[in-house]
Amino acid sequence: MNPLLERISIDPNICFGKPCIRGTRIWVSLILDFLANGMTMDEVLVEYPHLTHEDILAAKSAKSVFRF
């Protein structure tokens, strides 16, 4: 398994069970939408300063594992 995916959590009691960045309520799909709409990784990190570069990479990796 990709070690970046350890940064993703799925809990049916948090955010309706949507994949989130571990320790947050930020949906992976939200990050992917930002990137798909032209935001850079740096812009996402400015908007969400508690995220890390690795969190963004984890979201991108999760795209191939989870359905969004």
C-alpha atoms as a PDB file:
ATOM      1  CA  MET A   1       0.000   0.000   0.000  1.00  0.00           C
ATOM      2  CA  ASN A   2       1.086   3.524  -0.736  1.00  0.00           C
ATOM      3  CA  PRO A   3       2.326   5.037   2.572  1.00  0.00           C
ATOM      4  CA  LEU A   4       0.736   8.365   1.643  1.00  0.00           C
ATOM      5  CA  LEU A   5      -2.669   6.711   1.965  1.00  0.00           C
ATOM      6  CA  GLU A   6      -2.080   6.421   5.705  1.00  0.00           C
ATOM      7  CA  ARG A   7      -2.826  10.156   5.738  1.00  0.00           C
ATOM      8  CA  ILE A   8      -6.395   9.436   4.593  1.00  0.00           C
ATOM      9  CA  SER A   9      -9.089   8.376   7.047  1.00  0.00           C
ATOM     10  CA  ILE A  10     -12.613   7.109   6.565  1.00  0.00           C
ATOM     11  CA  ASP A  11     -14.926   7.170   9.539  1.00  0.00           C
ATOM     12  CA  PRO A  12     -18.683   6.766   9.100  1.00  0.00           C
ATOM     13  CA  ASN A  13     -19.190   9.216  11.988  1.00  0.00           C
ATOM     14  CA  ILE A  14     -17.098  11.975  10.395  1.00  0.00           C
ATOM     15  CA  CYS A  15     -18.128  13.789   7.214  1.00  0.00           C
ATOM     16  CA  PHE A  16     -20.621  11.068   6.320  1.00  0.00           C
ATOM     17  CA  GLY A  17     -17.809   8.550   5.833  1.00  0.00           C
ATOM     18  CA  LYS A  18     -16.150  10.492   3.030  1.00  0.00           C
ATOM     19  CA  PRO A  19     -12.375  10.093   2.756  1.00  0.00           C
ATOM     20  CA  CYS A  20     -10.721  12.948   4.677  1.00  0.00           C
ATOM     21  CA  ILE A  21      -7.212  14.047   5.469  1.00  0.00           C
ATOM     22  CA  ARG A  22      -6.450  12.289   8.753  1.00  0.00           C
ATOM     23  CA  GLY A  23      -7.081  14.472  11.795  1.00  0.00           C
ATOM     24  CA  THR A  24      -9.194  16.961   9.836  1.00  0.00           C
ATOM     25  CA  ARG A  25     -12.637  17.231   8.342  1.00  0.00           C
ATOM     26  CA  ILE A  26     -11.242  18.230   4.970  1.00  0.00           C
ATOM     27  CA  TRP A  27     -12.599  15.956   2.263  1.00  0.00           C
ATOM     28  CA  VAL A  28     -10.147  14.475  -0.205  1.00  0.00           C
ATOM     29  CA  SER A  29     -12.679  15.297  -2.923  1.00  0.00           C
ATOM     30  CA  LEU A  30     -12.567  18.980  -1.938  1.00  0.00           C
ATOM     31  CA  ILE A  31      -8.811  19.085  -2.435  1.00  0.00           C
ATOM     32  CA  LEU A  32      -9.130  17.249  -5.742  1.00  0.00           C
ATOM     33  CA  ASP A  33     -11.810  19.719  -6.877  1.00  0.00           C
ATOM     34  CA  PHE A  34      -9.560  22.662  -6.023  1.00  0.00           C
ATOM     35  CA  LEU A  35      -6.717  21.152  -8.027  1.00  0.00           C
ATOM     36  CA  ALA A  36      -8.995  20.244 -10.954  1.00  0.00           C
ATOM     37  CA  ASN A  37     -10.265  23.830 -11.052  1.00  0.00           C
ATOM     38  CA  GLY A  38      -6.767  25.227 -11.427  1.00  0.00           C
ATOM     39  CA  MET A  39      -5.543  25.894  -7.900  1.00  0.00           C
ATOM     40  CA  THR A  40      -1.920  25.019  -7.345  1.00  0.00           C
ATOM     41  CA  MET A  41      -0.768  22.929  -4.429  1.00  0.00           C
ATOM     42  CA  ASP A  42       0.768  26.053  -2.920  1.00  0.00           C
ATOM     43  CA  GLU A  43      -2.544  27.921  -3.171  1.00  0.00           C
ATOM     44  CA  VAL A  44      -4.352  25.070  -1.412  1.00  0.00           C
ATOM     45  CA  LEU A  45      -1.730  25.145   1.336  1.00  0.00           C
ATOM     46  CA  VAL A  46      -2.225  28.893   1.774  1.00  0.00           C
ATOM     47  CA  GLU A  47      -5.988  28.374   2.147  1.00  0.00           C
ATOM     48  CA  TYR A  48      -5.473  25.440   4.532  1.00  0.00           C
ATOM     49  CA  PRO A  49      -2.185  26.146   6.338  1.00  0.00           C
ATOM     50  CA  HIS A  50      -2.540  23.170   8.687  1.00  0.00           C
ATOM     51  CA  LEU A  51      -2.262  20.813   5.680  1.00  0.00           C
ATOM     52  CA  THR A  52       1.114  19.666   4.426  1.00  0.00           C
ATOM     53  CA  HIS A  53       2.507  19.038   0.987  1.00  0.00           C
ATOM     54  CA  GLU A  54       2.290  15.312   1.761  1.00  0.00           C
ATOM     55  CA  ASP A  55      -1.423  15.669   2.584  1.00  0.00           C
ATOM     56  CA  ILE A  56      -2.035  17.061  -0.909  1.00  0.00           C
ATOM     57  CA  LEU A  57      -0.010  14.240  -2.451  1.00  0.00           C
ATOM     58  CA  ALA A  58      -2.036  11.762  -0.396  1.00  0.00           C
ATOM     59  CA  ALA A  59      -5.264  13.231  -1.761  1.00  0.00           C
ATOM     60  CA  LYS A  60      -3.944  12.865  -5.295  1.00  0.00           C
ATOM     61  CA  SER A  61      -2.923   9.264  -4.568  1.00  0.00           C
ATOM     62  CA  ALA A  62      -6.336   8.490  -3.091  1.00  0.00           C
ATOM     63  CA  LYS A  63      -7.941   9.386  -6.393  1.00  0.00           C
ATOM     64  CA  SER A  64      -6.809   6.048  -7.819  1.00  0.00           C
ATOM     65  CA  VAL A  65      -8.102   4.065  -4.805  1.00  0.00           C
ATOM     66  CA  PHE A  66     -11.462   5.646  -3.898  1.00  0.00           C
ATOM     67  CA  ARG A  67     -14.434   6.613  -6.036  1.00  0.00           C
ATOM     68  CA  PHE A  68     -15.279  10.306  -6.074  1.00  0.00           C
END
